Amino acid sequence: VQLVESGGGLVQAGGSLRLSCAASERPFSSYVMGWFRQAPGKEREFLAAINRNGENTYTADSVKGRFTISRDNAKNTVLLQMNSLKPEDTAGYYCAAGPPRRGYWPPIHPSDFGSWGQGTQVTVSS
């Protein structure tokens, strides 16, 4: 599946951004979706995951309460709403798609996902 992220940009600390990820393949609902980020010189960091029907989500403690993942299967999109942004949120943000695995949740490792977008840059100024 091909994934294309959008919605990144430059924002002041305390501001909000909504990232969108569009998938090329149907049925989009076949995939578990996730968001990760990676800053220069750092490992890729898990942010949030959502199951196939959108009823189950998991958010990393580092962004819980500020970031929210959602999906619209009719539009083949997954969203990441980011509020109260901080300079340390500056990174490239990536969406990912992976197969559902019975009895395995949450998928927090990059290896849990087989398809990745090209990323969108988020820069938060102080």
N, C-alpha and C. Protein backbone atom coordinates (compact mmCIF):
# COMPACT_ATOMS: atom_id res chain seq x y z
N VAL A 1 0.84 -1.17 0.00
CA VAL A 1 0.00 0.00 0.00
C VAL A 1 0.88 1.23 0.00
N GLN A 2 0.50 2.21 -0.83
CA GLN A 2 1.25 3.47 -0.85
C GLN A 2 0.59 4.47 0.09
N LEU A 3 1.44 5.17 0.84
CA LEU A 3 0.96 6.12 1.84
C LEU A 3 1.57 7.48 1.57
N VAL A 4 0.76 8.52 1.68
CA VAL A 4 1.23 9.88 1.46
C VAL A 4 0.76 10.76 2.61
N GLU A 5 1.73 11.31 3.34
CA GLU A 5 1.42 12.20 4.46
C GLU A 5 1.33 13.65 3.99
N SER A 6 0.56 14.42 4.72
CA SER A 6 0.47 15.86 4.47
C SER A 6 0.07 16.54 5.77
N GLY A 7 0.20 17.87 5.77
CA GLY A 7 -0.24 18.63 6.92
C GLY A 7 0.86 19.16 7.81
N GLY A 8 2.10 18.77 7.53
CA GLY A 8 3.20 19.28 8.33
C GLY A 8 3.47 20.75 8.04
N GLY A 9 4.37 21.32 8.83
CA GLY A 9 4.72 22.72 8.62
C GLY A 9 5.38 23.32 9.84
N LEU A 10 5.45 24.63 9.85
CA LEU A 10 6.04 25.39 10.94
C LEU A 10 4.93 25.96 11.81
N VAL A 11 5.05 25.74 13.11
CA VAL A 11 4.04 26.22 14.05
C VAL A 11 4.73 26.69 15.32
N GLN A 12 4.13 27.65 15.99
CA GLN A 12 4.68 28.13 17.25
C GLN A 12 4.33 27.17 18.37
N ALA A 13 5.16 27.17 19.38
CA ALA A 13 4.89 26.35 20.56
C ALA A 13 3.51 26.67 21.12
N GLY A 14 2.80 25.62 21.49
CA GLY A 14 1.44 25.77 21.96
C GLY A 14 0.39 25.64 20.89
N GLY A 15 0.82 25.64 19.65
CA GLY A 15 -0.10 25.55 18.52
C GLY A 15 -0.50 24.12 18.21
N SER A 16 -1.27 23.97 17.14
CA SER A 16 -1.79 22.67 16.74
C SER A 16 -1.55 22.43 15.25
N LEU A 17 -1.46 21.18 14.91
CA LEU A 17 -1.41 20.74 13.52
C LEU A 17 -2.20 19.45 13.41
N ARG A 18 -2.74 19.22 12.23
CA ARG A 18 -3.40 17.94 11.95
C ARG A 18 -2.73 17.30 10.75
N LEU A 19 -2.11 16.17 10.97
CA LEU A 19 -1.47 15.43 9.90
C LEU A 19 -2.47 14.46 9.29
N SER A 20 -2.36 14.29 7.99
CA SER A 20 -3.22 13.35 7.28
C SER A 20 -2.36 12.38 6.50
N CYS A 21 -2.83 11.16 6.39
CA CYS A 21 -2.13 10.13 5.62
C CYS A 21 -3.15 9.46 4.71
N ALA A 22 -2.92 9.55 3.42
CA ALA A 22 -3.83 8.97 2.44
C ALA A 22 -3.24 7.67 1.91
N ALA A 23 -4.06 6.64 1.87
CA ALA A 23 -3.62 5.33 1.40
C ALA A 23 -4.19 5.06 0.02
N SER A 24 -3.38 4.37 -0.78
CA SER A 24 -3.78 4.15 -2.17
C SER A 24 -4.60 2.90 -2.37
N GLU A 25 -4.54 2.00 -1.40
CA GLU A 25 -5.08 0.67 -1.64
C GLU A 25 -6.38 0.45 -0.90
N ARG A 26 -7.29 -0.27 -1.52
CA ARG A 26 -8.52 -0.71 -0.88
C ARG A 26 -8.48 -2.23 -0.76
N PRO A 27 -9.04 -2.83 0.29
CA PRO A 27 -9.72 -2.09 1.33
C PRO A 27 -8.75 -1.57 2.39
N PHE A 28 -8.79 -0.29 2.61
CA PHE A 28 -7.94 0.37 3.60
C PHE A 28 -8.18 -0.21 4.99
N SER A 29 -9.39 -0.66 5.22
CA SER A 29 -9.74 -1.20 6.53
C SER A 29 -9.06 -2.52 6.84
N SER A 30 -8.31 -3.05 5.90
CA SER A 30 -7.55 -4.27 6.16
C SER A 30 -6.34 -4.02 7.04
N TYR A 31 -5.92 -2.79 7.15
CA TYR A 31 -4.66 -2.47 7.78
C TYR A 31 -4.81 -1.82 9.15
N VAL A 32 -3.93 -2.23 10.04
CA VAL A 32 -3.67 -1.47 11.25
C VAL A 32 -2.78 -0.30 10.85
N MET A 33 -3.05 0.88 11.40
CA MET A 33 -2.30 2.07 11.03
C MET A 33 -1.58 2.66 12.24
N GLY A 34 -0.45 3.28 11.96
CA GLY A 34 0.32 3.89 13.04
C GLY A 34 1.00 5.17 12.59
N TRP A 35 1.40 5.95 13.57
CA TRP A 35 2.19 7.16 13.34
C TRP A 35 3.48 7.06 14.15
N PHE A 36 4.57 7.45 13.52
CA PHE A 36 5.88 7.52 14.15
C PHE A 36 6.50 8.87 13.83
N ARG A 37 7.56 9.19 14.54
CA ARG A 37 8.34 10.37 14.20
C ARG A 37 9.82 10.06 14.38
N GLN A 38 10.62 10.85 13.70
CA GLN A 38 12.07 10.68 13.81
C GLN A 38 12.74 12.03 13.68
N ALA A 39 13.51 12.36 14.70
CA ALA A 39 14.31 13.59 14.70
C ALA A 39 15.72 13.25 14.27
N PRO A 40 16.48 14.21 13.76
CA PRO A 40 17.85 13.94 13.30
C PRO A 40 18.69 13.33 14.41
N GLY A 41 19.36 12.24 14.09
CA GLY A 41 20.24 11.60 15.05
C GLY A 41 19.55 10.74 16.08
N LYS A 42 18.22 10.60 15.95
CA LYS A 42 17.47 9.80 16.92
C LYS A 42 16.77 8.64 16.23
N GLU A 43 16.39 7.65 17.02
CA GLU A 43 15.66 6.50 16.49
C GLU A 43 14.20 6.90 16.20
N ARG A 44 13.60 6.10 15.33
CA ARG A 44 12.19 6.33 15.02
C ARG A 44 11.36 6.02 16.28
N GLU A 45 10.47 6.94 16.61
CA GLU A 45 9.70 6.87 17.85
C GLU A 45 8.23 6.60 17.55
N PHE A 46 7.67 5.60 18.21
CA PHE A 46 6.25 5.31 18.07
C PHE A 46 5.43 6.40 18.74
N LEU A 47 4.31 6.77 18.08
CA LEU A 47 3.41 7.78 18.64
C LEU A 47 2.02 7.21 18.93
N ALA A 48 1.42 6.57 17.94
CA ALA A 48 0.04 6.11 18.12
C ALA A 48 -0.29 5.05 17.09
N ALA A 49 -1.25 4.20 17.45
CA ALA A 49 -1.74 3.18 16.54
C ALA A 49 -3.25 3.08 16.65
N ILE A 50 -3.87 2.60 15.58
CA ILE A 50 -5.31 2.45 15.54
C ILE A 50 -5.66 1.16 14.83
N ASN A 51 -6.65 0.45 15.36
CA ASN A 51 -6.98 -0.82 14.75
C ASN A 51 -7.83 -0.61 13.49
N ARG A 52 -8.25 -1.70 12.88
CA ARG A 52 -8.84 -1.62 11.55
C ARG A 52 -10.14 -0.84 11.50
N ASN A 53 -10.97 -0.96 12.52
CA ASN A 53 -12.26 -0.27 12.47
C ASN A 53 -12.25 1.03 13.24
N GLY A 54 -11.11 1.38 13.83
CA GLY A 54 -10.99 2.65 14.53
C GLY A 54 -11.50 2.65 15.95
N GLU A 55 -11.94 1.51 16.44
CA GLU A 55 -12.52 1.48 17.79
C GLU A 55 -11.47 1.32 18.88
N ASN A 56 -10.27 0.94 18.50
CA ASN A 56 -9.22 0.73 19.49
C ASN A 56 -8.00 1.53 19.08
N THR A 57 -7.53 2.36 19.99
CA THR A 57 -6.32 3.14 19.74
C THR A 57 -5.35 2.97 20.90
N TYR A 58 -4.10 3.27 20.60
CA TYR A 58 -3.07 3.25 21.63
C TYR A 58 -2.13 4.41 21.36
N THR A 59 -1.83 5.19 22.40
CA THR A 59 -0.99 6.37 22.25
C THR A 59 0.18 6.28 23.21
N ALA A 60 1.35 6.63 22.73
CA ALA A 60 2.54 6.61 23.56
C ALA A 60 2.40 7.60 24.72
N ASP A 61 2.97 7.23 25.85
CA ASP A 61 2.89 8.10 27.03
C ASP A 61 3.49 9.48 26.75
N SER A 62 4.50 9.52 25.89
CA SER A 62 5.20 10.78 25.64
C SER A 62 4.30 11.84 25.00
N VAL A 63 3.23 11.42 24.34
CA VAL A 63 2.35 12.37 23.66
C VAL A 63 0.89 12.22 24.08
N LYS A 64 0.63 11.33 25.01
CA LYS A 64 -0.75 11.09 25.44
C LYS A 64 -1.33 12.38 26.03
N GLY A 65 -2.57 12.64 25.66
CA GLY A 65 -3.24 13.85 26.10
C GLY A 65 -3.04 15.02 25.16
N ARG A 66 -2.08 14.92 24.24
CA ARG A 66 -1.82 15.98 23.27
C ARG A 66 -2.08 15.52 21.84
N PHE A 67 -1.77 14.25 21.54
CA PHE A 67 -1.92 13.70 20.19
C PHE A 67 -3.07 12.70 20.17
N THR A 68 -3.84 12.74 19.09
CA THR A 68 -4.97 11.82 18.92
C THR A 68 -4.96 11.25 17.51
N ILE A 69 -5.04 9.93 17.43
CA ILE A 69 -5.10 9.25 16.14
C ILE A 69 -6.55 8.90 15.83
N SER A 70 -6.91 9.00 14.56
CA SER A 70 -8.24 8.60 14.11
C SER A 70 -8.14 8.15 12.66
N ARG A 71 -9.20 7.55 12.17
CA ARG A 71 -9.19 7.10 10.76
C ARG A 71 -10.58 7.22 10.17
N ASP A 72 -10.61 7.37 8.86
CA ASP A 72 -11.85 7.39 8.11
C ASP A 72 -11.70 6.38 6.98
N ASN A 73 -12.24 5.21 7.18
CA ASN A 73 -12.04 4.14 6.19
C ASN A 73 -12.73 4.45 4.87
N ALA A 74 -13.79 5.23 4.90
CA ALA A 74 -14.48 5.60 3.66
C ALA A 74 -13.61 6.49 2.79
N LYS A 75 -12.71 7.25 3.44
CA LYS A 75 -11.83 8.17 2.71
C LYS A 75 -10.39 7.66 2.61
N ASN A 76 -10.16 6.45 3.11
CA ASN A 76 -8.80 5.87 3.06
C ASN A 76 -7.77 6.78 3.72
N THR A 77 -8.11 7.38 4.84
CA THR A 77 -7.19 8.28 5.50
C THR A 77 -7.07 7.97 7.00
N VAL A 78 -5.91 8.29 7.53
CA VAL A 78 -5.67 8.25 8.97
C VAL A 78 -5.13 9.62 9.36
N LEU A 79 -5.57 10.10 10.49
CA LEU A 79 -5.22 11.45 10.94
C LEU A 79 -4.45 11.40 12.25
N LEU A 80 -3.64 12.42 12.46
CA LEU A 80 -2.98 12.62 13.75
C LEU A 80 -3.20 14.08 14.14
N GLN A 81 -4.06 14.29 15.11
CA GLN A 81 -4.30 15.63 15.64
C GLN A 81 -3.28 15.89 16.73
N MET A 82 -2.54 16.98 16.57
CA MET A 82 -1.48 17.32 17.52
C MET A 82 -1.76 18.68 18.12
N ASN A 83 -1.92 18.70 19.43
CA ASN A 83 -2.21 19.94 20.15
C ASN A 83 -1.09 20.25 21.14
N SER A 84 -1.06 21.48 21.60
CA SER A 84 -0.08 21.91 22.60
C SER A 84 1.33 21.51 22.18
N LEU A 85 1.68 21.81 20.97
CA LEU A 85 2.97 21.39 20.43
C LEU A 85 4.13 22.07 21.14
N LYS A 86 5.22 21.34 21.25
CA LYS A 86 6.43 21.79 21.93
C LYS A 86 7.60 21.75 20.95
N PRO A 87 8.64 22.54 21.21
CA PRO A 87 9.81 22.48 20.31
C PRO A 87 10.38 21.07 20.18
N GLU A 88 10.30 20.27 21.22
CA GLU A 88 10.82 18.90 21.16
C GLU A 88 9.97 17.97 20.30
N ASP A 89 8.83 18.45 19.82
CA ASP A 89 8.03 17.67 18.87
C ASP A 89 8.54 17.82 17.44
N THR A 90 9.53 18.68 17.25
CA THR A 90 10.09 18.87 15.93
C THR A 90 10.71 17.58 15.41
N ALA A 91 10.26 17.12 14.24
CA ALA A 91 10.71 15.85 13.68
C ALA A 91 10.04 15.62 12.33
N GLY A 92 10.49 14.60 11.65
CA GLY A 92 9.76 14.09 10.50
C GLY A 92 8.71 13.11 11.01
N TYR A 93 7.50 13.22 10.49
CA TYR A 93 6.40 12.38 10.96
C TYR A 93 5.98 11.43 9.84
N TYR A 94 5.82 10.15 10.21
CA TYR A 94 5.58 9.10 9.24
C TYR A 94 4.35 8.29 9.62
N CYS A 95 3.52 8.00 8.64
CA CYS A 95 2.45 7.04 8.89
C CYS A 95 2.87 5.68 8.33
N ALA A 96 2.27 4.65 8.88
CA ALA A 96 2.64 3.29 8.51
C ALA A 96 1.41 2.39 8.52
N ALA A 97 1.44 1.37 7.69
CA ALA A 97 0.36 0.39 7.61
C ALA A 97 0.91 -1.00 7.84
N GLY A 98 0.16 -1.80 8.57
CA GLY A 98 0.61 -3.14 8.84
C GLY A 98 -0.54 -4.12 8.95
N PRO A 99 -0.23 -5.39 8.91
CA PRO A 99 -1.28 -6.41 9.01
C PRO A 99 -1.76 -6.56 10.45
N PRO A 100 -3.04 -6.81 10.63
CA PRO A 100 -3.51 -7.11 11.99
C PRO A 100 -3.00 -8.48 12.42
N ARG A 101 -2.69 -8.62 13.68
CA ARG A 101 -2.20 -9.88 14.22
C ARG A 101 -3.07 -10.27 15.41
N ARG A 102 -3.69 -11.41 15.31
CA ARG A 102 -4.58 -11.87 16.37
C ARG A 102 -3.83 -11.97 17.69
N GLY A 103 -4.38 -11.34 18.70
CA GLY A 103 -3.80 -11.42 20.04
C GLY A 103 -2.60 -10.51 20.26
N TYR A 104 -2.28 -9.66 19.31
CA TYR A 104 -1.10 -8.80 19.43
C TYR A 104 -1.54 -7.35 19.32
N TRP A 105 -1.40 -6.66 20.42
CA TRP A 105 -1.77 -5.25 20.49
C TRP A 105 -1.13 -4.64 21.72
N PRO A 106 -0.56 -3.46 21.65
CA PRO A 106 -0.51 -2.59 20.49
C PRO A 106 0.75 -2.82 19.65
N PRO A 107 0.68 -2.49 18.39
CA PRO A 107 1.86 -2.58 17.52
C PRO A 107 2.70 -1.32 17.66
N ILE A 108 3.76 -1.38 18.41
CA ILE A 108 4.53 -0.18 18.72
C ILE A 108 5.91 -0.17 18.09
N HIS A 109 6.28 -1.25 17.42
CA HIS A 109 7.61 -1.35 16.83
C HIS A 109 7.55 -1.06 15.34
N PRO A 110 8.56 -0.38 14.79
CA PRO A 110 8.57 -0.17 13.34
C PRO A 110 8.44 -1.47 12.56
N SER A 111 8.96 -2.55 13.09
CA SER A 111 8.89 -3.84 12.39
C SER A 111 7.48 -4.41 12.34
N ASP A 112 6.56 -3.82 13.10
CA ASP A 112 5.15 -4.26 13.05
C ASP A 112 4.43 -3.75 11.81
N PHE A 113 5.09 -2.85 11.09
CA PHE A 113 4.46 -2.22 9.93
C PHE A 113 5.28 -2.47 8.68
N GLY A 114 4.60 -2.77 7.58
CA GLY A 114 5.30 -3.11 6.36
C GLY A 114 5.35 -2.02 5.32
N SER A 115 4.49 -1.02 5.45
CA SER A 115 4.43 0.06 4.46
C SER A 115 4.56 1.40 5.17
N TRP A 116 5.31 2.30 4.55
CA TRP A 116 5.60 3.60 5.15
C TRP A 116 5.41 4.70 4.12
N GLY A 117 4.99 5.86 4.62
CA GLY A 117 4.96 7.03 3.77
C GLY A 117 6.31 7.70 3.72
N GLN A 118 6.41 8.76 2.96
CA GLN A 118 7.69 9.45 2.78
C GLN A 118 7.96 10.44 3.91
N GLY A 119 6.95 10.73 4.71
CA GLY A 119 7.12 11.62 5.85
C GLY A 119 6.74 13.05 5.56
N THR A 120 6.39 13.76 6.61
CA THR A 120 6.10 15.19 6.52
C THR A 120 6.78 15.86 7.71
N GLN A 121 7.41 16.99 7.46
CA GLN A 121 8.20 17.67 8.49
C GLN A 121 7.33 18.57 9.35
N VAL A 122 7.52 18.45 10.65
CA VAL A 122 6.88 19.33 11.61
C VAL A 122 7.97 20.07 12.37
N THR A 123 7.89 21.38 12.38
CA THR A 123 8.85 22.21 13.09
C THR A 123 8.09 23.12 14.04
N VAL A 124 8.46 23.04 15.31
CA VAL A 124 7.80 23.83 16.33
C VAL A 124 8.80 24.85 16.86
N SER A 125 8.48 26.10 16.71
CA SER A 125 9.37 27.16 17.17
C SER A 125 9.01 27.60 18.58
N SER A 126 10.04 28.01 19.30
CA SER A 126 9.81 28.42 20.70
C SER A 126 9.48 29.90 20.80
